[in-house]
Amino acid sequence: MLKLKAERIRKGWTQLDLACHARVQPAEISRFERGQAKPYQGQATRLAEVLGLAKDELLEQVALEPQPGV
């Protein structure tokens, strides 16, 4: 899973929530998370700011964390 998606989920945000916070189209968030597109510089900057990440971390792969009780 991409760190972008992991941080969005950790915050409890939907793709629409993230899109609104970062001023990016919701369809773009979906494409980024599926690896079908990469954010432009301005998009990456806004996404990184609202997620509290560095721009170069957005597209890093991260391992899924186990859910409590699973």
Protein backbone atom coordinates (compact mmCIF):
# COMPACT_ATOMS: atom_id res chain seq x y z
CA MET A 1 0.00 0.00 0.00
CA LEU A 2 1.24 3.49 -0.74
CA LYS A 3 2.04 5.76 2.18
CA LEU A 4 -0.40 8.27 0.67
CA LYS A 5 -3.27 5.82 1.15
CA ALA A 6 -2.05 4.55 4.52
CA GLU A 7 -1.93 8.10 5.94
CA ARG A 8 -5.34 8.93 4.49
CA ILE A 9 -6.82 5.85 6.15
CA ARG A 10 -4.98 6.55 9.42
CA LYS A 11 -6.63 9.98 9.50
CA GLY A 12 -10.02 8.37 8.88
CA TRP A 13 -10.48 10.29 5.63
CA THR A 14 -12.19 9.12 2.47
CA GLN A 15 -10.64 9.87 -0.90
CA LEU A 16 -13.15 12.70 -1.20
CA ASP A 17 -12.05 14.14 2.16
CA LEU A 18 -8.41 14.11 1.09
CA ALA A 19 -9.28 15.59 -2.28
CA CYS A 20 -11.12 18.48 -0.60
CA HIS A 21 -8.32 19.16 1.90
CA ALA A 22 -5.61 19.08 -0.79
CA ARG A 23 -7.65 20.72 -3.57
CA VAL A 24 -7.15 17.74 -5.90
CA GLN A 25 -9.83 15.98 -7.94
CA PRO A 26 -11.15 12.82 -6.18
CA ALA A 27 -10.53 10.77 -9.33
CA GLU A 28 -6.87 11.81 -9.18
CA ILE A 29 -6.57 10.53 -5.60
CA SER A 30 -7.91 7.19 -6.78
CA ARG A 31 -5.42 7.05 -9.66
CA PHE A 32 -2.52 7.96 -7.36
CA GLU A 33 -3.46 5.28 -4.85
CA ARG A 34 -3.75 2.62 -7.57
CA GLY A 35 -0.41 3.62 -9.08
CA GLN A 36 -1.97 4.69 -12.36
CA ALA A 37 -0.70 8.27 -12.12
CA LYS A 38 1.75 10.38 -10.16
CA PRO A 39 0.86 13.77 -8.70
CA TYR A 40 2.17 16.90 -10.35
CA GLN A 41 4.51 19.04 -8.25
CA GLY A 42 1.74 21.31 -6.92
CA GLN A 43 -0.53 18.37 -6.14
CA ALA A 44 2.29 16.55 -4.36
CA THR A 45 3.06 19.64 -2.29
CA ARG A 46 -0.57 20.05 -1.18
CA LEU A 47 -1.01 16.33 -0.48
CA ALA A 48 2.18 16.19 1.56
CA GLU A 49 1.17 19.26 3.58
CA VAL A 50 -2.28 17.98 4.53
CA LEU A 51 -0.99 14.47 5.31
CA GLY A 52 2.06 15.67 7.24
CA LEU A 53 4.49 13.85 4.94
CA ALA A 54 7.44 14.79 2.80
CA LYS A 55 6.66 14.86 -0.94
CA ASP A 56 9.08 12.01 -1.61
CA GLU A 57 7.24 9.81 0.93
CA LEU A 58 3.83 9.96 -0.77
CA LEU A 59 4.42 7.13 -3.23
CA GLU A 60 6.53 4.91 -0.95
CA GLN A 61 5.25 1.40 -0.36
CA VAL A 62 4.45 0.56 3.27
CA ALA A 63 3.44 -2.71 4.87
CA LEU A 64 -0.10 -3.04 6.16
CA GLU A 65 -0.33 -2.75 9.92
CA PRO A 66 -2.31 -5.52 11.61
CA GLN A 67 -5.71 -4.44 12.85
CA PRO A 68 -6.36 -4.89 16.59
CA GLY A 69 -8.35 -8.03 17.32
CA VAL A 70 -7.70 -9.61 13.92
